[in-house]
Amino acid sequence: MIVVGWMMPNEIQRVDTSGEYGEKGATHRLMRGTLFKDFFVETPKGWRRVRHEKLLPNDVVLAVDGVARIVPPMAPARRIAPPK
């Protein structure tokens, strides 16, 4: 089994002085952290993690105003979209 997730997320509010996240001068909520992938195998005693990979460096902007900027690599047919 493979699990992909966000690690060390923290959220800050920032005025976008350069227009990097939308309209210049607007305030945005930025979720910062890193993306990881863990590999598990099933054993007689339960699931055991056998490998951990950090996919991005720390302190990357993962989401802006609640919208993900980075989506884990996965075939579109296997994605589970959050309810709207």
PDB file of N, CA and C in Angstrom:
ATOM      1  N   MET A   1       0.849  -1.156   0.000  1.00  0.00           N
ATOM      2  CA  MET A   1       0.000   0.000   0.000  1.00  0.00           C
ATOM      3  C   MET A   1       0.906   1.234   0.000  1.00  0.00           C
ATOM      4  N   ILE A   2       0.485   2.268  -0.728  1.00  0.00           N
ATOM      5  CA  ILE A   2       1.224   3.530  -0.780  1.00  0.00           C
ATOM      6  C   ILE A   2       0.324   4.635  -0.241  1.00  0.00           C
ATOM      7  N   VAL A   3       0.881   5.469   0.633  1.00  0.00           N
ATOM      8  CA  VAL A   3       0.156   6.606   1.199  1.00  0.00           C
ATOM      9  C   VAL A   3       0.925   7.871   0.841  1.00  0.00           C
ATOM     10  N   VAL A   4       0.227   8.851   0.276  1.00  0.00           N
ATOM     11  CA  VAL A   4       0.831  10.141  -0.045  1.00  0.00           C
ATOM     12  C   VAL A   4       0.125  11.187   0.798  1.00  0.00           C
ATOM     13  N   GLY A   5       0.888  12.070   1.440  1.00  0.00           N
ATOM     14  CA  GLY A   5       0.261  13.069   2.295  1.00  0.00           C
ATOM     15  C   GLY A   5       1.119  14.303   2.479  1.00  0.00           C
ATOM     16  N   TRP A   6       0.542  15.280   3.157  1.00  0.00           N
ATOM     17  CA  TRP A   6       1.253  16.515   3.501  1.00  0.00           C
ATOM     18  C   TRP A   6       1.829  16.361   4.888  1.00  0.00           C
ATOM     19  N   MET A   7       3.029  16.891   5.095  1.00  0.00           N
ATOM     20  CA  MET A   7       3.667  16.813   6.401  1.00  0.00           C
ATOM     21  C   MET A   7       4.070  18.211   6.840  1.00  0.00           C
ATOM     22  N   MET A   8       3.971  18.460   8.133  1.00  0.00           N
ATOM     23  CA  MET A   8       4.325  19.736   8.751  1.00  0.00           C
ATOM     24  C   MET A   8       3.535  20.905   8.165  1.00  0.00           C
ATOM     25  N   PRO A   9       2.238  20.726   7.893  1.00  0.00           N
ATOM     26  CA  PRO A   9       1.525  21.865   7.309  1.00  0.00           C
ATOM     27  C   PRO A   9       1.327  22.976   8.329  1.00  0.00           C
ATOM     28  N   ASN A  10       1.464  24.201   7.875  1.00  0.00           N
ATOM     29  CA  ASN A  10       1.100  25.350   8.687  1.00  0.00           C
ATOM     30  C   ASN A  10       0.484  26.379   7.750  1.00  0.00           C
ATOM     31  N   GLU A  11      -0.418  27.163   8.280  1.00  0.00           N
ATOM     32  CA  GLU A  11      -1.127  28.115   7.451  1.00  0.00           C
ATOM     33  C   GLU A  11      -0.790  29.531   7.900  1.00  0.00           C
ATOM     34  N   ILE A  12      -0.512  30.383   6.924  1.00  0.00           N
ATOM     35  CA  ILE A  12      -0.238  31.783   7.207  1.00  0.00           C
ATOM     36  C   ILE A  12      -1.091  32.634   6.278  1.00  0.00           C
ATOM     37  N   GLN A  13      -1.290  33.883   6.657  1.00  0.00           N
ATOM     38  CA  GLN A  13      -1.935  34.839   5.759  1.00  0.00           C
ATOM     39  C   GLN A  13      -0.860  35.785   5.257  1.00  0.00           C
ATOM     40  N   ARG A  14      -0.922  36.093   3.972  1.00  0.00           N
ATOM     41  CA  ARG A  14       0.115  36.933   3.376  1.00  0.00           C
ATOM     42  C   ARG A  14      -0.493  37.852   2.340  1.00  0.00           C
ATOM     43  N   VAL A  15      -0.051  39.091   2.323  1.00  0.00           N
ATOM     44  CA  VAL A  15      -0.445  40.027   1.269  1.00  0.00           C
ATOM     45  C   VAL A  15       0.438  39.735   0.069  1.00  0.00           C
ATOM     46  N   ASP A  16      -0.195  39.501  -1.059  1.00  0.00           N
ATOM     47  CA  ASP A  16       0.521  39.146  -2.281  1.00  0.00           C
ATOM     48  C   ASP A  16       0.982  40.423  -2.984  1.00  0.00           C
ATOM     49  N   THR A  17       2.194  40.841  -2.683  1.00  0.00           N
ATOM     50  CA  THR A  17       2.705  42.094  -3.243  1.00  0.00           C
ATOM     51  C   THR A  17       3.156  41.950  -4.692  1.00  0.00           C
ATOM     52  N   SER A  18       3.396  40.715  -5.141  1.00  0.00           N
ATOM     53  CA  SER A  18       3.912  40.508  -6.497  1.00  0.00           C
ATOM     54  C   SER A  18       2.864  39.955  -7.465  1.00  0.00           C
ATOM     55  N   GLY A  19       1.693  39.556  -6.961  1.00  0.00           N
ATOM     56  CA  GLY A  19       0.688  38.952  -7.831  1.00  0.00           C
ATOM     57  C   GLY A  19       0.954  37.487  -8.119  1.00  0.00           C
ATOM     58  N   GLU A  20       1.772  36.845  -7.301  1.00  0.00           N
ATOM     59  CA  GLU A  20       2.140  35.434  -7.518  1.00  0.00           C
ATOM     60  C   GLU A  20       0.962  34.483  -7.325  1.00  0.00           C
ATOM     61  N   TYR A  21       0.021  34.831  -6.440  1.00  0.00           N
ATOM     62  CA  TYR A  21      -1.086  33.923  -6.104  1.00  0.00           C
ATOM     63  C   TYR A  21      -2.445  34.443  -6.572  1.00  0.00           C
ATOM     64  N   GLY A  22      -2.454  35.486  -7.336  1.00  0.00           N
ATOM     65  CA  GLY A  22      -3.709  36.084  -7.800  1.00  0.00           C
ATOM     66  C   GLY A  22      -3.541  37.584  -7.934  1.00  0.00           C
ATOM     67  N   GLU A  23      -4.582  38.294  -7.604  1.00  0.00           N
ATOM     68  CA  GLU A  23      -4.548  39.753  -7.748  1.00  0.00           C
ATOM     69  C   GLU A  23      -3.487  40.374  -6.842  1.00  0.00           C
ATOM     70  N   LYS A  24      -2.709  41.271  -7.411  1.00  0.00           N
ATOM     71  CA  LYS A  24      -1.656  41.959  -6.672  1.00  0.00           C
ATOM     72  C   LYS A  24      -2.281  42.777  -5.543  1.00  0.00           C
ATOM     73  N   GLY A  25      -1.727  42.645  -4.327  1.00  0.00           N
ATOM     74  CA  GLY A  25      -2.233  43.371  -3.169  1.00  0.00           C
ATOM     75  C   GLY A  25      -3.302  42.636  -2.372  1.00  0.00           C
ATOM     76  N   ALA A  26      -3.804  41.502  -2.892  1.00  0.00           N
ATOM     77  CA  ALA A  26      -4.831  40.725  -2.184  1.00  0.00           C
ATOM     78  C   ALA A  26      -4.181  39.890  -1.074  1.00  0.00           C
ATOM     79  N   THR A  27      -4.956  39.598  -0.027  1.00  0.00           N
ATOM     80  CA  THR A  27      -4.484  38.745   1.062  1.00  0.00           C
ATOM     81  C   THR A  27      -4.899  37.305   0.776  1.00  0.00           C
ATOM     82  N   HIS A  28      -3.966  36.388   0.969  1.00  0.00           N
ATOM     83  CA  HIS A  28      -4.234  34.966   0.708  1.00  0.00           C
ATOM     84  C   HIS A  28      -3.821  34.127   1.909  1.00  0.00           C
ATOM     85  N   ARG A  29      -4.503  32.971   2.074  1.00  0.00           N
ATOM     86  CA  ARG A  29      -4.122  31.966   3.069  1.00  0.00           C
ATOM     87  C   ARG A  29      -3.204  30.974   2.364  1.00  0.00           C
ATOM     88  N   LEU A  30      -1.990  30.823   2.872  1.00  0.00           N
ATOM     89  CA  LEU A  30      -1.023  29.904   2.278  1.00  0.00           C
ATOM     90  C   LEU A  30      -0.779  28.737   3.224  1.00  0.00           C
ATOM     91  N   MET A  31      -0.953  27.524   2.740  1.00  0.00           N
ATOM     92  CA  MET A  31      -0.633  26.310   3.490  1.00  0.00           C
ATOM     93  C   MET A  31       0.742  25.855   3.033  1.00  0.00           C
ATOM     94  N   ARG A  32       1.689  25.832   3.969  1.00  0.00           N
ATOM     95  CA  ARG A  32       3.071  25.484   3.650  1.00  0.00           C
ATOM     96  C   ARG A  32       3.433  24.168   4.317  1.00  0.00           C
ATOM     97  N   GLY A  33       4.319  23.422   3.708  1.00  0.00           N
ATOM     98  CA  GLY A  33       4.776  22.153   4.273  1.00  0.00           C
ATOM     99  C   GLY A  33       5.538  21.373   3.227  1.00  0.00           C
ATOM    100  N   THR A  34       5.489  20.058   3.319  1.00  0.00           N
ATOM    101  CA  THR A  34       6.151  19.195   2.345  1.00  0.00           C
ATOM    102  C   THR A  34       5.222  18.036   1.999  1.00  0.00           C
ATOM    103  N   LEU A  35       5.511  17.363   0.928  1.00  0.00           N
ATOM    104  CA  LEU A  35       4.722  16.229   0.466  1.00  0.00           C
ATOM    105  C   LEU A  35       5.558  14.967   0.634  1.00  0.00           C
ATOM    106  N   PHE A  36       4.927  13.894   1.147  1.00  0.00           N
ATOM    107  CA  PHE A  36       5.679  12.649   1.364  1.00  0.00           C
ATOM    108  C   PHE A  36       4.917  11.461   0.803  1.00  0.00           C
ATOM    109  N   LYS A  37       5.656  10.359   0.646  1.00  0.00           N
ATOM    110  CA  LYS A  37       5.063   9.103   0.185  1.00  0.00           C
ATOM    111  C   LYS A  37       5.613   7.990   1.065  1.00  0.00           C
ATOM    112  N   ASP A  38       4.722   7.205   1.683  1.00  0.00           N
ATOM    113  CA  ASP A  38       5.108   6.068   2.516  1.00  0.00           C
ATOM    114  C   ASP A  38       4.656   4.770   1.857  1.00  0.00           C
ATOM    115  N   PHE A  39       5.475   3.747   1.990  1.00  0.00           N
ATOM    116  CA  PHE A  39       5.159   2.424   1.454  1.00  0.00           C
ATOM    117  C   PHE A  39       4.969   1.465   2.623  1.00  0.00           C
ATOM    118  N   PHE A  40       3.881   0.707   2.609  1.00  0.00           N
ATOM    119  CA  PHE A  40       3.561  -0.245   3.668  1.00  0.00           C
ATOM    120  C   PHE A  40       3.410  -1.640   3.086  1.00  0.00           C
ATOM    121  N   VAL A  41       3.757  -2.652   3.899  1.00  0.00           N
ATOM    122  CA  VAL A  41       3.486  -4.049   3.549  1.00  0.00           C
ATOM    123  C   VAL A  41       2.668  -4.654   4.682  1.00  0.00           C
ATOM    124  N   GLU A  42       1.814  -5.577   4.314  1.00  0.00           N
ATOM    125  CA  GLU A  42       1.003  -6.253   5.331  1.00  0.00           C
ATOM    126  C   GLU A  42       1.786  -7.438   5.876  1.00  0.00           C
ATOM    127  N   THR A  43       1.874  -7.530   7.191  1.00  0.00           N
ATOM    128  CA  THR A  43       2.563  -8.621   7.866  1.00  0.00           C
ATOM    129  C   THR A  43       1.545  -9.365   8.731  1.00  0.00           C
ATOM    130  N   PRO A  44       1.908 -10.509   9.281  1.00  0.00           N
ATOM    131  CA  PRO A  44       0.974 -11.215  10.176  1.00  0.00           C
ATOM    132  C   PRO A  44       0.553 -10.364  11.389  1.00  0.00           C
ATOM    133  N   LYS A  45       1.392  -9.392  11.776  1.00  0.00           N
ATOM    134  CA  LYS A  45       1.075  -8.538  12.926  1.00  0.00           C
ATOM    135  C   LYS A  45       0.414  -7.217  12.522  1.00  0.00           C
ATOM    136  N   GLY A  46       0.130  -7.028  11.236  1.00  0.00           N
ATOM    137  CA  GLY A  46      -0.491  -5.786  10.766  1.00  0.00           C
ATOM    138  C   GLY A  46       0.380  -5.095   9.728  1.00  0.00           C
ATOM    139  N   TRP A  47       0.039  -3.858   9.419  1.00  0.00           N
ATOM    140  CA  TRP A  47       0.768  -3.106   8.405  1.00  0.00           C
ATOM    141  C   TRP A  47       2.070  -2.552   8.970  1.00  0.00           C
ATOM    142  N   ARG A  48       3.123  -2.586   8.138  1.00  0.00           N
ATOM    143  CA  ARG A  48       4.442  -2.099   8.540  1.00  0.00           C
ATOM    144  C   ARG A  48       4.986  -1.171   7.459  1.00  0.00           C
ATOM    145  N   ARG A  49       5.435   0.029   7.871  1.00  0.00           N
ATOM    146  CA  ARG A  49       6.030   0.950   6.900  1.00  0.00           C
ATOM    147  C   ARG A  49       7.426   0.473   6.557  1.00  0.00           C
ATOM    148  N   VAL A  50       7.713   0.359   5.258  1.00  0.00           N
ATOM    149  CA  VAL A  50       9.016  -0.133   4.817  1.00  0.00           C
ATOM    150  C   VAL A  50       9.847   0.943   4.126  1.00  0.00           C
ATOM    151  N   ARG A  51       9.184   2.041   3.717  1.00  0.00           N
ATOM    152  CA  ARG A  51       9.944   3.108   3.058  1.00  0.00           C
ATOM    153  C   ARG A  51       9.212   4.429   3.223  1.00  0.00           C
ATOM    154  N   HIS A  52       9.982   5.500   3.371  1.00  0.00           N
ATOM    155  CA  HIS A  52       9.445   6.858   3.495  1.00  0.00           C
ATOM    156  C   HIS A  52      10.223   7.751   2.546  1.00  0.00           C
ATOM    157  N   GLU A  53       9.517   8.479   1.671  1.00  0.00           N
ATOM    158  CA  GLU A  53      10.178   9.382   0.723  1.00  0.00           C
ATOM    159  C   GLU A  53       9.602  10.780   0.884  1.00  0.00           C
ATOM    160  N   LYS A  54      10.460  11.774   0.975  1.00  0.00           N
ATOM    161  CA  LYS A  54      10.005  13.157   0.955  1.00  0.00           C
ATOM    162  C   LYS A  54      10.044  13.597  -0.505  1.00  0.00           C
ATOM    163  N   LEU A  55       8.900  14.006  -1.048  1.00  0.00           N
ATOM    164  CA  LEU A  55       8.806  14.326  -2.466  1.00  0.00           C
ATOM    165  C   LEU A  55       9.190  15.770  -2.779  1.00  0.00           C
ATOM    166  N   LEU A  56       9.067  16.654  -1.809  1.00  0.00           N
ATOM    167  CA  LEU A  56       9.373  18.073  -2.004  1.00  0.00           C
ATOM    168  C   LEU A  56      10.187  18.579  -0.828  1.00  0.00           C
ATOM    169  N   PRO A  57      10.944  19.656  -1.022  1.00  0.00           N
ATOM    170  CA  PRO A  57      11.649  20.234   0.118  1.00  0.00           C
ATOM    171  C   PRO A  57      10.664  20.826   1.119  1.00  0.00           C
ATOM    172  N   ASN A  58      11.126  21.079   2.344  1.00  0.00           N
ATOM    173  CA  ASN A  58      10.266  21.703   3.360  1.00  0.00           C
ATOM    174  C   ASN A  58       9.877  23.113   2.928  1.00  0.00           C
ATOM    175  N   ASP A  59       8.765  23.579   3.474  1.00  0.00           N
ATOM    176  CA  ASP A  59       8.297  24.949   3.313  1.00  0.00           C
ATOM    177  C   ASP A  59       7.918  25.306   1.881  1.00  0.00           C
ATOM    178  N   VAL A  60       7.237  24.409   1.198  1.00  0.00           N
ATOM    179  CA  VAL A  60       6.693  24.656  -0.129  1.00  0.00           C
ATOM    180  C   VAL A  60       5.238  25.072   0.043  1.00  0.00           C
ATOM    181  N   VAL A  61       4.752  26.015  -0.780  1.00  0.00           N
ATOM    182  CA  VAL A  61       3.340  26.397  -0.721  1.00  0.00           C
ATOM    183  C   VAL A  61       2.538  25.267  -1.354  1.00  0.00           C
ATOM    184  N   LEU A  62       1.749  24.566  -0.518  1.00  0.00           N
ATOM    185  CA  LEU A  62       0.964  23.421  -0.975  1.00  0.00           C
ATOM    186  C   LEU A  62      -0.441  23.815  -1.415  1.00  0.00           C
ATOM    187  N   ALA A  63      -0.998  24.873  -0.798  1.00  0.00           N
ATOM    188  CA  ALA A  63      -2.355  25.307  -1.136  1.00  0.00           C
ATOM    189  C   ALA A  63      -2.465  26.812  -0.937  1.00  0.00           C
ATOM    190  N   VAL A  64      -3.290  27.434  -1.771  1.00  0.00           N
ATOM    191  CA  VAL A  64      -3.577  28.864  -1.671  1.00  0.00           C
ATOM    192  C   VAL A  64      -5.078  29.014  -1.517  1.00  0.00           C
ATOM    193  N   ASP A  65      -5.496  29.667  -0.426  1.00  0.00           N
ATOM    194  CA  ASP A  65      -6.921  29.888  -0.133  1.00  0.00           C
ATOM    195  C   ASP A  65      -7.717  28.582  -0.158  1.00  0.00           C
ATOM    196  N   GLY A  66      -7.094  27.510   0.329  1.00  0.00           N
ATOM    197  CA  GLY A  66      -7.770  26.215   0.422  1.00  0.00           C
ATOM    198  C   GLY A  66      -7.757  25.392  -0.850  1.00  0.00           C
ATOM    199  N   VAL A  67      -7.151  25.886  -1.918  1.00  0.00           N
ATOM    200  CA  VAL A  67      -7.090  25.158  -3.187  1.00  0.00           C
ATOM    201  C   VAL A  67      -5.666  24.614  -3.354  1.00  0.00           C
ATOM    202  N   ALA A  68      -5.569  23.306  -3.542  1.00  0.00           N
ATOM    203  CA  ALA A  68      -4.253  22.664  -3.673  1.00  0.00           C
ATOM    204  C   ALA A  68      -3.514  23.165  -4.903  1.00  0.00           C
ATOM    205  N   ARG A  69      -2.246  23.475  -4.727  1.00  0.00           N
ATOM    206  CA  ARG A  69      -1.367  23.840  -5.846  1.00  0.00           C
ATOM    207  C   ARG A  69      -0.570  22.642  -6.305  1.00  0.00           C
ATOM    208  N   ILE A  70      -0.372  21.690  -5.408  1.00  0.00           N
ATOM    209  CA  ILE A  70       0.420  20.505  -5.712  1.00  0.00           C
ATOM    210  C   ILE A  70      -0.467  19.294  -5.477  1.00  0.00           C
ATOM    211  N   VAL A  71      -0.630  18.479  -6.492  1.00  0.00           N
ATOM    212  CA  VAL A  71      -1.466  17.288  -6.394  1.00  0.00           C
ATOM    213  C   VAL A  71      -0.549  16.080  -6.482  1.00  0.00           C
ATOM    214  N   PRO A  72      -0.685  15.123  -5.555  1.00  0.00           N
ATOM    215  CA  PRO A  72       0.185  13.940  -5.599  1.00  0.00           C
ATOM    216  C   PRO A  72       0.105  13.220  -6.938  1.00  0.00           C
ATOM    217  N   PRO A  73       1.229  12.672  -7.420  1.00  0.00           N
ATOM    218  CA  PRO A  73       1.208  11.957  -8.691  1.00  0.00           C
ATOM    219  C   PRO A  73       0.374  10.685  -8.584  1.00  0.00           C
ATOM    220  N   MET A  74      -0.657  10.612  -9.417  1.00  0.00           N
ATOM    221  CA  MET A  74      -1.554   9.460  -9.394  1.00  0.00           C
ATOM    222  C   MET A  74      -2.412   9.508 -10.660  1.00  0.00           C
ATOM    223  N   ALA A  75      -2.764   8.361 -11.183  1.00  0.00           N
ATOM    224  CA  ALA A  75      -3.642   8.307 -12.345  1.00  0.00           C
ATOM    225  C   ALA A  75      -4.977   8.973 -12.001  1.00  0.00           C
ATOM    226  N   PRO A  76      -5.507   9.831 -12.860  1.00  0.00           N
ATOM    227  CA  PRO A  76      -6.755  10.526 -12.569  1.00  0.00           C
ATOM    228  C   PRO A  76      -7.907   9.600 -12.176  1.00  0.00           C
ATOM    229  N   ALA A  77      -7.965   8.416 -12.736  1.00  0.00           N
ATOM    230  CA  ALA A  77      -9.052   7.487 -12.424  1.00  0.00           C
ATOM    231  C   ALA A  77      -8.986   6.977 -10.982  1.00  0.00           C
ATOM    232  N   ARG A  78      -7.805   7.080 -10.339  1.00  0.00           N
ATOM    233  CA  ARG A  78      -7.654   6.576  -8.970  1.00  0.00           C
ATOM    234  C   ARG A  78      -7.807   7.662  -7.908  1.00  0.00           C
ATOM    235  N   ARG A  79      -7.955   8.923  -8.326  1.00  0.00           N
ATOM    236  CA  ARG A  79      -8.073  10.039  -7.377  1.00  0.00           C
ATOM    237  C   ARG A  79      -9.436  10.046  -6.712  1.00  0.00           C
ATOM    238  N   ILE A  80      -9.452  10.428  -5.451  1.00  0.00           N
ATOM    239  CA  ILE A  80     -10.694  10.612  -4.717  1.00  0.00           C
ATOM    240  C   ILE A  80     -10.823  12.111  -4.460  1.00  0.00           C
ATOM    241  N   ALA A  81     -11.797  12.724  -5.081  1.00  0.00           N
ATOM    242  CA  ALA A  81     -11.975  14.170  -4.945  1.00  0.00           C
ATOM    243  C   ALA A  81     -12.779  14.478  -3.693  1.00  0.00           C
ATOM    244  N   PRO A  82     -12.383  15.531  -2.960  1.00  0.00           N
ATOM    245  CA  PRO A  82     -13.162  15.906  -1.783  1.00  0.00           C
ATOM    246  C   PRO A  82     -14.535  16.441  -2.192  1.00  0.00           C
ATOM    247  N   PRO A  83     -15.540  16.275  -1.345  1.00  0.00           N
ATOM    248  CA  PRO A  83     -16.878  16.783  -1.693  1.00  0.00           C
ATOM    249  C   PRO A  83     -16.858  18.300  -1.807  1.00  0.00           C
ATOM    250  N   LYS A  84     -17.668  18.821  -2.712  1.00  0.00           N
ATOM    251  CA  LYS A  84     -17.731  20.276  -2.895  1.00  0.00           C
ATOM    252  C   LYS A  84     -18.854  20.880  -2.085  1.00  0.00           C
TER     253      LYS A  84
END
